[in-house]
Amino acid sequence: MSVRLSFAVASVGFLLAAGLFRSMPSDAAEKDLASPNLVVFLVDDMGVMDTSVPFLTDESGKPKRYPLNDYYRTPNMVRLAEQGIRFNNFCAMSVCSPTRISIMTGQNAARHRATNWINPDKNNGGPLGPPEWQWEGLEKKDVTLPGVLADSGYETIHIGKAHFAPRAMDGADPLHLGFDRNVAGASFGAPGSYYGMKNYGNGQKRRSHHAVPHLEAYHGTETFLTEALTIEAKKQLDQAIETKKPFFLHMAHYAVHAPFDSDPRFAPNYSESGKPANAQAFATLIEGMDRSLGDLLDYLEQEGVAENTLILFLGDNGSDAPLGHQHAVACAAPLRGKKGSHYEGGMRVPFIAAWAKPNAANSLQQRFPIAVGKIQPQIASVEDIFPTLTSLAGAAVPDEHVVDGYSLAKLVSGVHDTERPESFLMHYPHAPHRSDYFTSYRDGDWKVVYHYVPSEVSNDSHYQLFNLVEDPFESTDLSETEPVELQRMMARLIEELESHEALYPLQNQDSKPTEVRRPKMP
C-alpha cells in the first residue's frame, strides 16, 4: 500500500470502529449498516463559475459574487452548499477522460497515462503525442473505485456518461469496471441528442455514433435526457435500498456537454438575458442538472436514507460555456481560460461535500464531520476522491495499486490539513486542442506552465509563471521578472513528472518513440 493511502486509511479508520446506521422513515425501525451510502454527482464540462453559488472569495476569505453567479440558476447547489462545505481551489484535469479515470483510480493522469479525452474510434494522441499513451483507457484488470467498493459489499451503480475507454474495448462498458449496474454509460462523451423526441440520437442520421443506450422507454417522449437519467437513477436506487446493502451511485450527467440543446423546462428563464442562443441553452443545461440534484436529494430523504448518504458534487473539467475565446476572460470570468486550457478556468471546478440530510445526532456524521456552510481554500483535486471513499467505506485496496490522492477527511471538516501538499499537476502531451503540449504545476502561491513545442505564443518551448495570490486571474506572466522562482517551480515540475513516470511529446513526426521532448530548465 502506498504511503499516501496508508495515511488516508489511518486518518479515517477510527470512523469505522462503531456500527453505522441508515436512517429509516419514522414508522420503521432503524437498520444498522457497516458503511455509509456514497454518491458522486459528476457534471460534464461544468466550471467553477457555472453556478449561482459563489465559490471564489475576497481578500478576507468570504464568498464573492461575480456576474456569472447572477446569470445561472442553481438553487439546489445553493441548498447543498449551505448544508456542507465547498472548495474554491478544487482542481481537475482540463479535459474529461483523464479526470474520470483519476476519479476511478485515485491516480494523477500523468501516472495512469490516459492524458487526453478518448476518441471512441481512433487514437487521438495528436501528431507528436506519446505513442504509449493510454488511449485504451480503463481495462477489466484495473483497480477501480467501484470494483473496490463492490468487493466490500457495496451495490455499485453507474448512471450517465462513462467515457472510460474506446468503443471496441471492454472498458467502454462500466459493467466491466466494477459497476453492478449501468444505465446510459458508453464509450463516447457527448450525447447524440438531449431530446427524447430524437431518441437521444438513436436512429438519427446525425450523431447516431453517440446514441445514448438503455433509454428506449423514453424514446419519442418529451423527456429531456437529464430528467430521464434522474428517473433511472431513482429506479436503480430503489433496488439497491431493498438489498439492505450500502450503495455507491456514480451519477455522471452528460449535461452540460455540447450539443447545446436547450432544455425547454428552463428556456424562459434566459430568453431576456441578451446572451447568444447557445449560451442560453448552456444555462438551461446547468439548471436542468441542478433540478436533478434537488430531485435526488428529495428522493434520499423520502426513502429515509439521506442521513447516512454522503454526496460529493463536482465538475470534470473547466467550463465550456459558449462565451468567448478559450484563453480569454469570458466563460469563466473573472478566471482566465476554459475547458482544455492551461489556465485556471480550464482546471478549477466546483466541489461540494455534504451529507444529504445533516443531523448532528447521527453517529456516522459525528465520526465523519462535514463543516456546514463553509468554504475550504486549501488545494484538493479529483485524485483525492478514491482514497476518501475507499477509506470511509473500510474497503481494502490492493497493495500494488499506487494512489496519488489524499483523504479529504480533514478538509471537509473545515480545517487545514498540514499532511498534504499544496500542489496540483496537470500534464497534457497532446495536440491539436485548445492548449497544445503543455504541463502546468501549482505549488502554494505559484503556478508554472511549460509549453513543449512551438505555438501561437512563441517559436520555441517557453514558460509562463503566475503568482495566484497576488494575481488570481493570471493576467501577468512573471517568467522573465522572477527567474529564481521560475527555476524553483520548473525543478519541482520536472521532479513531479519523473516521479509519476510521465510520457512526453515526440521531438518531431519522424521521431522514434524514445526520442521525446522533455521539459527543460530555464
Protein backbone atom coordinates (compact mmCIF):
# COMPACT_ATOMS: atom_id res chain seq x y z
CA MET A 1 0.00 0.00 0.00
CA SER A 2 1.31 3.46 -0.88
CA VAL A 3 2.39 5.82 1.89
CA ARG A 4 -0.32 8.28 0.89
CA LEU A 5 -3.05 5.68 1.03
CA SER A 6 -1.74 4.32 4.33
CA PHE A 7 -2.07 7.79 5.82
CA ALA A 8 -5.56 8.18 4.36
CA VAL A 9 -6.69 4.88 5.89
CA ALA A 10 -5.17 5.73 9.25
CA SER A 11 -6.68 9.19 9.33
CA VAL A 12 -10.24 7.96 8.99
CA GLY A 13 -10.01 4.37 10.18
CA PHE A 14 -11.47 5.39 13.52
CA LEU A 15 -14.69 6.24 11.69
CA LEU A 16 -15.39 2.57 11.18
CA ALA A 17 -14.87 1.45 14.74
CA ALA A 18 -18.58 1.51 15.53
CA GLY A 19 -21.63 0.32 13.62
CA LEU A 20 -23.09 2.84 11.20
CA PHE A 21 -26.81 3.03 10.52
CA ARG A 22 -29.04 4.09 7.68
CA SER A 23 -31.83 6.33 8.90
CA MET A 24 -35.28 4.91 8.13
CA PRO A 25 -38.72 6.51 7.83
CA SER A 26 -40.30 7.44 11.15
CA ASP A 27 -42.62 4.42 11.10
CA ALA A 28 -39.80 1.93 10.58
CA ALA A 29 -37.06 0.59 12.84
CA GLU A 30 -33.56 1.86 12.34
CA LYS A 31 -31.28 -0.51 10.44
CA ASP A 32 -27.58 -0.78 11.19
CA LEU A 33 -25.19 -0.77 8.23
CA ALA A 34 -21.45 -1.33 8.14
CA SER A 35 -20.74 1.62 5.82
CA PRO A 36 -22.35 4.82 4.53
CA ASN A 37 -24.04 5.25 1.19
CA LEU A 38 -21.87 7.18 -1.28
CA VAL A 39 -22.87 9.42 -4.18
CA VAL A 40 -20.50 11.06 -6.66
CA PHE A 41 -22.57 13.62 -8.58
CA LEU A 42 -20.39 14.44 -11.59
CA VAL A 43 -21.29 17.13 -14.12
CA ASP A 44 -19.64 17.24 -17.53
CA ASP A 45 -17.89 20.46 -18.60
CA MET A 46 -19.05 22.44 -15.56
CA GLY A 47 -16.57 25.03 -14.37
CA VAL A 48 -16.37 26.77 -11.03
CA MET A 49 -18.28 29.84 -12.31
CA ASP A 50 -21.21 27.98 -13.95
CA THR A 51 -23.43 28.33 -10.90
CA SER A 52 -25.27 30.78 -8.69
CA VAL A 53 -23.14 29.51 -5.78
CA PRO A 54 -20.14 31.83 -5.32
CA PHE A 55 -17.00 29.71 -4.98
CA LEU A 56 -14.44 32.48 -5.34
CA THR A 57 -13.64 34.62 -2.31
CA ASP A 58 -12.44 38.12 -1.49
CA GLU A 59 -9.25 39.03 0.38
CA SER A 60 -10.82 38.09 3.71
CA GLY A 61 -11.92 34.65 2.51
CA LYS A 62 -15.60 35.48 2.23
CA PRO A 63 -17.57 34.38 -0.85
CA LYS A 64 -17.64 36.99 -3.60
CA ARG A 65 -20.29 37.11 -6.32
CA TYR A 66 -19.47 37.85 -9.94
CA PRO A 67 -21.85 38.49 -12.86
CA LEU A 68 -21.93 34.84 -13.94
CA ASN A 69 -23.18 33.87 -10.47
CA ASP A 70 -26.19 36.07 -11.12
CA TYR A 71 -26.78 34.64 -14.61
CA TYR A 72 -27.02 30.96 -13.68
CA ARG A 73 -29.79 29.48 -11.52
CA THR A 74 -28.72 26.59 -9.28
CA PRO A 75 -30.89 26.69 -6.13
CA ASN A 76 -30.18 23.07 -5.26
CA MET A 77 -26.44 23.63 -5.40
CA VAL A 78 -27.09 26.52 -3.01
CA ARG A 79 -29.03 24.08 -0.82
CA LEU A 80 -26.19 21.53 -0.88
CA ALA A 81 -23.52 24.16 -0.19
CA GLU A 82 -25.48 25.51 2.78
CA GLN A 83 -25.57 22.06 4.38
CA GLY A 84 -21.95 21.19 3.59
CA ILE A 85 -18.59 22.63 2.58
CA ARG A 86 -17.46 23.91 -0.80
CA PHE A 87 -13.88 24.15 -2.07
CA ASN A 88 -12.65 27.13 -4.06
CA ASN A 89 -9.36 25.55 -5.15
CA PHE A 90 -10.55 22.15 -6.32
CA CYS A 91 -8.70 21.05 -9.43
CA ALA A 92 -9.45 18.61 -12.24
CA MET A 93 -7.65 17.67 -15.43
CA SER A 94 -8.69 20.15 -18.10
CA VAL A 95 -10.33 17.52 -20.33
CA CYS A 96 -12.81 14.82 -19.38
CA SER A 97 -11.46 11.26 -19.73
CA PRO A 98 -8.29 11.99 -17.71
CA THR A 99 -10.41 13.33 -14.84
CA ARG A 100 -12.89 10.46 -14.95
CA ILE A 101 -10.13 7.88 -14.83
CA SER A 102 -8.44 9.78 -11.99
CA ILE A 103 -11.68 9.53 -10.00
CA MET A 104 -11.85 5.81 -10.72
CA THR A 105 -8.19 5.12 -9.79
CA GLY A 106 -7.01 7.86 -7.41
CA GLN A 107 -4.10 8.50 -9.76
CA ASN A 108 -2.93 11.63 -11.50
CA ALA A 109 -3.31 11.48 -15.28
CA ALA A 110 0.46 11.63 -15.68
CA ARG A 111 0.60 8.26 -13.93
CA HIS A 112 -2.41 6.45 -15.44
CA ARG A 113 -1.43 7.92 -18.84
CA ALA A 114 -4.92 8.48 -20.23
CA THR A 115 -3.81 12.07 -20.68
CA ASN A 116 -6.28 13.10 -23.41
CA TRP A 117 -10.01 12.76 -24.00
CA ILE A 118 -10.60 9.35 -25.55
CA ASN A 119 -11.92 9.27 -29.09
CA PRO A 120 -14.21 6.21 -29.25
CA ASP A 121 -13.00 5.06 -32.66
CA LYS A 122 -9.44 6.23 -33.32
CA ASN A 123 -6.26 7.08 -31.47
CA ASN A 124 -6.35 10.86 -30.99
CA GLY A 125 -2.99 11.33 -29.33
CA GLY A 126 -2.05 14.03 -31.82
CA PRO A 127 0.80 14.26 -34.32
CA LEU A 128 3.52 14.43 -31.63
CA GLY A 129 1.64 12.80 -28.78
CA PRO A 130 3.40 9.93 -26.98
CA PRO A 131 2.60 6.65 -28.80
CA GLU A 132 2.35 4.79 -25.49
CA TRP A 133 -0.35 6.99 -24.01
CA GLN A 134 -3.29 5.02 -22.58
CA TRP A 135 -5.77 5.51 -25.42
CA GLU A 136 -7.25 2.14 -24.42
CA GLY A 137 -8.48 3.74 -21.21
CA LEU A 138 -9.54 1.61 -18.26
CA GLU A 139 -9.38 -2.17 -18.59
CA LYS A 140 -11.00 -5.09 -16.76
CA LYS A 141 -7.80 -5.79 -14.86
CA ASP A 142 -7.53 -2.28 -13.42
CA VAL A 143 -8.20 -1.45 -9.79
CA THR A 144 -11.19 0.91 -9.76
CA LEU A 145 -13.28 2.70 -7.16
CA PRO A 146 -16.49 0.75 -7.93
CA GLY A 147 -14.56 -2.52 -8.04
CA VAL A 148 -13.00 -1.97 -4.62
CA LEU A 149 -16.34 -0.87 -3.16
CA ALA A 150 -18.18 -3.83 -4.72
CA ASP A 151 -15.66 -6.19 -3.13
CA SER A 152 -16.51 -4.55 0.20
CA GLY A 153 -20.23 -5.26 -0.10
CA TYR A 154 -21.50 -2.19 -1.94
CA GLU A 155 -24.14 -2.08 -4.64
CA THR A 156 -22.38 -0.09 -7.35
CA ILE A 157 -24.45 1.89 -9.88
CA HIS A 158 -23.36 3.94 -12.89
CA ILE A 159 -25.80 6.39 -14.46
CA GLY A 160 -25.00 8.58 -17.47
CA LYS A 161 -21.71 9.41 -19.15
CA ALA A 162 -18.83 6.94 -18.85
CA HIS A 163 -16.16 7.73 -21.48
CA PHE A 164 -13.64 5.39 -19.85
CA ALA A 165 -12.41 3.55 -22.97
CA PRO A 166 -12.83 3.31 -26.78
CA ARG A 167 -15.82 1.56 -28.31
CA ALA A 168 -14.01 -1.72 -29.09
CA MET A 169 -12.51 -2.13 -25.61
CA ASP A 170 -14.05 -3.89 -22.63
CA GLY A 171 -13.71 -0.74 -20.53
CA ALA A 172 -16.28 1.05 -22.68
CA ASP A 173 -18.95 -0.72 -20.61
CA PRO A 174 -18.90 0.26 -16.92
CA LEU A 175 -20.11 -3.27 -16.07
CA HIS A 176 -16.56 -4.43 -16.84
CA LEU A 177 -15.05 -1.95 -14.39
CA GLY A 178 -16.70 -2.90 -11.13
CA PHE A 179 -20.20 -1.48 -11.55
CA ASP A 180 -23.10 -3.86 -10.86
CA ARG A 181 -25.46 -1.76 -12.98
CA ASN A 182 -25.04 0.62 -15.88
CA VAL A 183 -27.62 2.91 -17.42
CA ALA A 184 -26.55 5.03 -20.43
CA GLY A 185 -22.78 4.66 -20.00
CA ALA A 186 -20.80 4.05 -23.19
CA SER A 187 -17.54 4.91 -24.96
CA PHE A 188 -18.39 8.47 -26.02
CA GLY A 189 -18.55 11.71 -24.10
CA ALA A 190 -21.22 13.77 -25.86
CA PRO A 191 -24.82 12.57 -26.31
CA GLY A 192 -26.34 12.23 -29.76
CA SER A 193 -29.19 14.41 -28.54
CA TYR A 194 -30.72 15.52 -25.26
CA TYR A 195 -34.22 15.17 -26.70
CA GLY A 196 -36.45 12.16 -26.13
CA MET A 197 -38.29 13.05 -29.32
CA LYS A 198 -34.99 12.42 -31.14
CA ASN A 199 -34.44 9.18 -29.19
CA TYR A 200 -31.25 10.66 -27.66
CA GLY A 201 -29.54 10.12 -31.03
CA ASN A 202 -30.74 6.56 -31.67
CA GLY A 203 -31.82 6.08 -35.28
CA GLN A 204 -30.88 9.63 -36.23
CA LYS A 205 -28.88 10.41 -39.37
CA ARG A 206 -26.64 12.79 -37.48
CA ARG A 207 -24.70 11.80 -34.35
CA SER A 208 -26.03 8.23 -34.30
CA HIS A 209 -22.50 7.18 -33.28
CA HIS A 210 -23.23 8.99 -29.98
CA ALA A 211 -26.66 7.45 -29.43
CA VAL A 212 -27.28 7.12 -25.69
CA PRO A 213 -28.11 3.48 -24.82
CA HIS A 214 -30.62 1.88 -22.42
CA LEU A 215 -33.27 4.62 -22.55
CA GLU A 216 -35.71 3.15 -25.06
CA ALA A 217 -38.62 3.65 -22.67
CA TYR A 218 -38.28 7.42 -23.18
CA HIS A 219 -37.90 7.42 -26.97
CA GLY A 220 -40.48 9.58 -28.68
CA THR A 221 -41.38 11.39 -25.46
CA GLU A 222 -40.81 14.93 -24.22
CA THR A 223 -38.43 13.66 -21.53
CA PHE A 224 -35.16 15.58 -21.59
CA LEU A 225 -32.05 13.40 -21.19
CA THR A 226 -31.12 14.89 -17.80
CA GLU A 227 -34.57 14.07 -16.46
CA ALA A 228 -34.55 10.55 -17.91
CA LEU A 229 -31.24 9.81 -16.19
CA THR A 230 -32.61 11.11 -12.89
CA ILE A 231 -35.69 8.89 -13.13
CA GLU A 232 -33.48 5.90 -13.92
CA ALA A 233 -31.17 6.69 -11.01
CA LYS A 234 -34.10 6.59 -8.59
CA LYS A 235 -35.25 3.25 -10.04
CA GLN A 236 -31.80 1.78 -9.53
CA LEU A 237 -31.61 3.14 -6.00
CA ASP A 238 -34.99 1.58 -5.22
CA GLN A 239 -33.48 -1.81 -5.98
CA ALA A 240 -30.25 -1.09 -4.12
CA ILE A 241 -32.08 0.01 -0.97
CA GLU A 242 -34.10 -3.20 -1.00
CA THR A 243 -30.89 -5.24 -0.76
CA LYS A 244 -30.13 -3.68 2.66
CA LYS A 245 -26.58 -3.09 1.44
CA PRO A 246 -24.83 0.27 1.18
CA PHE A 247 -24.78 1.75 -2.31
CA PHE A 248 -22.33 3.70 -4.41
CA LEU A 249 -24.03 5.84 -7.05
CA HIS A 250 -21.86 7.36 -9.76
CA MET A 251 -24.33 9.92 -11.11
CA ALA A 252 -22.48 11.20 -14.17
CA HIS A 253 -24.62 13.55 -16.23
CA TYR A 254 -23.97 14.14 -19.93
CA ALA A 255 -25.01 17.70 -19.19
CA VAL A 256 -23.62 20.23 -19.67
CA HIS A 257 -21.56 18.97 -22.62
CA ALA A 258 -22.36 20.05 -26.18
CA PRO A 259 -24.56 19.76 -28.21
CA PHE A 260 -26.16 22.74 -26.54
CA ASP A 261 -29.75 21.53 -26.78
CA SER A 262 -31.99 23.90 -24.87
CA ASP A 263 -33.96 22.31 -22.04
CA PRO A 264 -37.49 23.67 -22.64
CA ARG A 265 -38.32 23.45 -18.94
CA PHE A 266 -35.96 26.34 -18.22
CA ALA A 267 -35.61 28.24 -21.50
CA PRO A 268 -37.88 31.16 -20.43
CA ASN A 269 -35.51 31.96 -17.58
CA TYR A 270 -32.81 33.11 -20.03
CA SER A 271 -34.74 34.39 -23.04
CA GLU A 272 -34.32 38.03 -21.97
CA SER A 273 -30.67 37.70 -20.90
CA GLY A 274 -29.23 39.21 -24.06
CA LYS A 275 -26.78 36.34 -24.36
CA PRO A 276 -26.35 34.25 -27.55
CA ALA A 277 -28.72 31.34 -28.13
CA ASN A 278 -26.01 28.75 -27.37
CA ALA A 279 -25.18 30.47 -24.10
CA GLN A 280 -28.85 30.47 -23.14
CA ALA A 281 -29.11 26.78 -23.98
CA PHE A 282 -26.00 26.08 -21.88
CA ALA A 283 -27.67 27.83 -18.94
CA THR A 284 -30.75 25.61 -19.31
CA LEU A 285 -28.48 22.55 -19.17
CA ILE A 286 -26.99 23.91 -15.94
CA GLU A 287 -30.40 24.48 -14.40
CA GLY A 288 -31.63 21.04 -15.52
CA MET A 289 -28.62 19.42 -13.86
CA ASP A 290 -29.41 21.38 -10.71
CA ARG A 291 -33.03 20.17 -10.79
CA SER A 292 -31.68 16.62 -10.96
CA LEU A 293 -29.60 17.26 -7.85
CA GLY A 294 -32.65 18.55 -5.99
CA ASP A 295 -34.77 15.60 -7.11
CA LEU A 296 -32.11 13.20 -5.88
CA LEU A 297 -31.82 14.95 -2.50
CA ASP A 298 -35.61 14.81 -2.11
CA TYR A 299 -35.66 11.14 -3.04
CA LEU A 300 -32.99 10.19 -0.50
CA GLU A 301 -34.92 11.95 2.26
CA GLN A 302 -38.22 10.37 1.25
CA GLU A 303 -36.61 6.92 1.33
CA GLY A 304 -35.16 7.53 4.78
CA VAL A 305 -31.52 7.11 3.76
CA ALA A 306 -30.42 10.75 3.50
CA GLU A 307 -28.71 10.99 6.89
CA ASN A 308 -26.35 8.15 6.02
CA THR A 309 -25.63 9.25 2.45
CA LEU A 310 -22.53 11.26 1.64
CA ILE A 311 -22.65 13.37 -1.53
CA LEU A 312 -19.63 14.68 -3.40
CA PHE A 313 -20.64 17.13 -6.13
CA LEU A 314 -18.13 18.23 -8.79
CA GLY A 315 -17.41 19.06 -12.42
CA ASP A 316 -14.98 17.06 -14.54
CA ASN A 317 -13.06 19.98 -16.08
CA GLY A 318 -13.32 23.71 -16.55
CA SER A 319 -16.27 25.40 -18.18
CA ASP A 320 -17.09 25.03 -21.85
CA ALA A 321 -19.80 27.69 -21.84
CA PRO A 322 -20.07 29.19 -25.36
CA LEU A 323 -18.84 32.59 -24.21
CA GLY A 324 -15.56 33.89 -25.62
CA HIS A 325 -12.16 32.53 -26.63
CA GLN A 326 -10.65 29.63 -24.71
CA HIS A 327 -7.72 31.71 -23.44
CA ALA A 328 -9.69 34.85 -22.65
CA VAL A 329 -11.51 36.03 -19.54
CA ALA A 330 -15.04 35.20 -20.67
CA CYS A 331 -16.83 31.92 -19.97
CA ALA A 332 -15.26 31.55 -16.51
CA ALA A 333 -14.90 35.26 -15.74
CA PRO A 334 -13.10 36.53 -13.77
CA LEU A 335 -10.92 33.44 -14.25
CA ARG A 336 -8.99 33.13 -17.48
CA GLY A 337 -9.47 30.25 -19.90
CA LYS A 338 -11.91 27.39 -20.30
CA LYS A 339 -12.03 23.62 -20.84
CA GLY A 340 -8.80 22.36 -22.38
CA SER A 341 -6.72 25.39 -21.50
CA HIS A 342 -3.72 25.65 -19.20
CA TYR A 343 -5.33 28.50 -17.26
CA GLU A 344 -7.37 28.18 -14.07
CA GLY A 345 -10.65 28.44 -15.97
CA GLY A 346 -9.75 25.10 -17.54
CA MET A 347 -8.88 23.27 -14.32
CA ARG A 348 -10.88 24.77 -11.46
CA VAL A 349 -14.20 23.03 -10.88
CA PRO A 350 -16.98 23.27 -8.30
CA PHE A 351 -16.72 20.80 -5.44
CA ILE A 352 -19.19 20.41 -2.58
CA ALA A 353 -19.14 17.72 0.13
CA ALA A 354 -22.26 17.29 2.26
CA TRP A 355 -24.45 14.77 3.99
CA ALA A 356 -27.71 14.51 2.07
CA LYS A 357 -29.50 15.42 5.31
CA PRO A 358 -27.33 16.86 8.08
CA ASN A 359 -28.11 15.66 11.59
CA ALA A 360 -25.70 16.39 14.43
CA ALA A 361 -27.11 13.44 16.40
CA ASN A 362 -26.32 10.93 13.64
CA SER A 363 -23.43 8.74 14.75
CA LEU A 364 -21.91 8.49 11.27
CA GLN A 365 -21.91 12.26 10.85
CA GLN A 366 -20.31 12.64 14.27
CA ARG A 367 -17.50 10.33 13.17
CA PHE A 368 -17.07 11.91 9.74
CA PRO A 369 -17.98 15.55 10.36
CA ILE A 370 -18.53 17.95 7.49
CA ALA A 371 -18.46 21.67 8.16
CA VAL A 372 -21.75 23.37 7.34
CA GLY A 373 -21.88 26.45 5.13
CA LYS A 374 -18.10 26.81 4.98
CA ILE A 375 -15.53 27.38 2.22
CA GLN A 376 -12.30 25.36 2.17
CA PRO A 377 -9.46 27.31 0.45
CA GLN A 378 -6.83 24.56 0.50
CA ILE A 379 -5.95 22.89 -2.81
CA ALA A 380 -7.52 19.49 -3.46
CA SER A 381 -8.18 17.52 -6.62
CA VAL A 382 -10.08 14.73 -8.32
CA GLU A 383 -7.46 12.13 -7.38
CA ASP A 384 -8.45 12.62 -3.71
CA ILE A 385 -11.91 11.10 -4.20
CA PHE A 386 -10.70 7.49 -4.44
CA PRO A 387 -8.80 7.42 -1.11
CA THR A 388 -11.54 9.40 0.62
CA LEU A 389 -14.33 6.99 -0.29
CA THR A 390 -12.39 3.75 -0.01
CA SER A 391 -11.12 4.76 3.42
CA LEU A 392 -14.54 5.81 4.65
CA ALA A 393 -16.04 2.54 3.37
CA GLY A 394 -13.31 0.46 5.02
CA ALA A 395 -12.52 -1.01 1.60
CA ALA A 396 -9.29 -2.90 1.01
CA VAL A 397 -7.15 -1.51 -1.82
CA PRO A 398 -4.51 -3.86 -3.30
CA ASP A 399 -1.05 -3.02 -2.02
CA GLU A 400 0.38 -2.75 -5.52
CA HIS A 401 -2.10 -0.06 -6.59
CA VAL A 402 -0.45 3.36 -6.35
CA VAL A 403 -2.71 6.15 -5.14
CA ASP A 404 -1.64 9.75 -5.69
CA GLY A 405 -4.53 11.36 -3.84
CA TYR A 406 -5.05 12.06 -0.16
CA SER A 407 -8.11 11.64 2.03
CA LEU A 408 -10.33 14.70 2.22
CA ALA A 409 -11.45 13.80 5.76
CA LYS A 410 -9.71 16.75 7.42
CA LEU A 411 -10.52 19.27 4.71
CA VAL A 412 -14.25 18.58 4.71
CA SER A 413 -14.30 19.19 8.46
CA GLY A 414 -13.19 22.74 7.70
CA VAL A 415 -9.63 22.60 8.99
CA HIS A 416 -6.25 22.95 7.28
CA ASP A 417 -4.57 19.62 6.54
CA THR A 418 -0.84 20.00 7.13
CA GLU A 419 -0.14 16.46 5.94
CA ARG A 420 -0.98 17.08 2.29
CA PRO A 421 0.98 19.08 -0.31
CA GLU A 422 -0.33 22.38 -1.66
CA SER A 423 0.16 21.27 -5.25
CA PHE A 424 -1.53 20.05 -8.43
CA LEU A 425 -0.01 18.59 -11.62
CA MET A 426 -1.78 18.83 -14.99
CA HIS A 427 0.02 17.08 -17.88
CA TYR A 428 -1.22 17.31 -21.47
CA PRO A 429 1.35 16.00 -24.01
CA HIS A 430 -1.12 16.16 -26.92
CA ALA A 431 -2.44 18.27 -29.82
CA PRO A 432 -4.37 19.58 -31.63
CA HIS A 433 -6.55 21.05 -28.94
CA ARG A 434 -7.14 24.34 -27.19
CA SER A 435 -3.78 24.30 -25.41
CA ASP A 436 -1.24 22.01 -27.03
CA TYR A 437 1.64 20.07 -25.47
CA PHE A 438 1.83 21.58 -22.00
CA THR A 439 2.37 20.78 -18.36
CA SER A 440 1.16 23.06 -15.59
CA TYR A 441 2.07 22.78 -11.94
CA ARG A 442 0.67 24.58 -8.91
CA ASP A 443 2.68 24.77 -5.71
CA GLY A 444 1.41 27.01 -2.96
CA ASP A 445 1.00 30.56 -4.23
CA TRP A 446 2.74 29.83 -7.52
CA LYS A 447 1.87 28.24 -10.84
CA VAL A 448 4.17 27.45 -13.76
CA VAL A 449 3.17 26.37 -17.27
CA TYR A 450 5.69 24.69 -19.55
CA HIS A 451 4.92 24.69 -23.30
CA TYR A 452 6.82 21.92 -25.09
CA VAL A 453 6.62 22.87 -28.76
CA PRO A 454 6.04 25.90 -30.98
CA SER A 455 2.71 27.62 -30.50
CA GLU A 456 0.99 30.84 -31.44
CA VAL A 457 2.77 32.48 -28.47
CA SER A 458 6.37 31.54 -29.21
CA ASN A 459 8.58 29.87 -31.78
CA ASP A 460 10.10 27.58 -29.18
CA SER A 461 9.32 25.91 -25.89
CA HIS A 462 8.60 28.54 -23.31
CA TYR A 463 7.35 29.25 -19.81
CA GLN A 464 4.58 31.11 -18.02
CA LEU A 465 4.72 31.91 -14.32
CA PHE A 466 1.94 33.31 -12.15
CA ASN A 467 1.51 34.22 -8.50
CA LEU A 468 -2.08 33.16 -7.87
CA VAL A 469 -2.36 35.03 -4.57
CA GLU A 470 -1.33 38.40 -5.96
CA ASP A 471 -2.71 37.69 -9.45
CA PRO A 472 -5.53 35.09 -9.13
CA PHE A 473 -6.75 35.73 -12.68
CA GLU A 474 -3.39 35.09 -14.39
CA SER A 475 -3.05 38.47 -16.06
CA THR A 476 0.71 38.97 -15.57
CA ASP A 477 3.35 36.47 -16.69
CA LEU A 478 6.31 36.65 -14.28
CA SER A 479 8.58 34.16 -16.04
CA GLU A 480 11.09 36.85 -17.06
CA THR A 481 10.94 39.02 -13.95
CA GLU A 482 11.10 36.20 -11.35
CA PRO A 483 13.92 33.95 -12.61
CA VAL A 484 14.68 32.40 -9.21
CA GLU A 485 11.06 31.41 -8.66
CA LEU A 486 10.83 30.09 -12.20
CA GLN A 487 13.88 27.89 -11.59
CA ARG A 488 12.37 26.52 -8.38
CA MET A 489 8.97 25.82 -9.93
CA MET A 490 10.41 24.15 -13.03
CA ALA A 491 12.61 21.95 -10.87
CA ARG A 492 9.51 20.86 -8.94
CA LEU A 493 7.51 20.33 -12.16
CA ILE A 494 10.22 18.10 -13.61
CA GLU A 495 10.53 16.19 -10.34
CA GLU A 496 6.76 15.57 -10.26
CA LEU A 497 6.68 14.35 -13.85
CA GLU A 498 9.55 11.97 -13.25
CA SER A 499 8.02 10.60 -10.03
CA HIS A 500 4.77 9.91 -11.91
CA GLU A 501 6.68 8.23 -14.77
CA ALA A 502 5.05 10.61 -17.23
CA LEU A 503 5.20 10.33 -21.01
CA TYR A 504 6.37 13.22 -23.20
CA PRO A 505 5.66 14.55 -26.71
CA LEU A 506 7.89 13.36 -29.54
CA GLN A 507 10.62 15.61 -30.89
CA ASN A 508 9.11 15.60 -34.38
CA GLN A 509 6.90 13.50 -36.62
CA ASP A 510 9.84 11.31 -37.68
CA SER A 511 10.88 10.57 -34.09
CA LYS A 512 11.32 7.12 -32.70
CA PRO A 513 9.25 6.51 -29.53
CA THR A 514 12.36 7.08 -27.43
CA GLU A 515 13.06 10.48 -28.99
CA VAL A 516 10.90 12.67 -26.79
CA ARG A 517 10.84 16.31 -25.86
CA ARG A 518 11.35 16.58 -22.10
CA PRO A 519 10.83 19.83 -20.22
CA LYS A 520 13.95 21.97 -19.97
CA MET A 521 15.13 24.13 -17.13
CA PRO A 522 15.16 27.86 -17.94
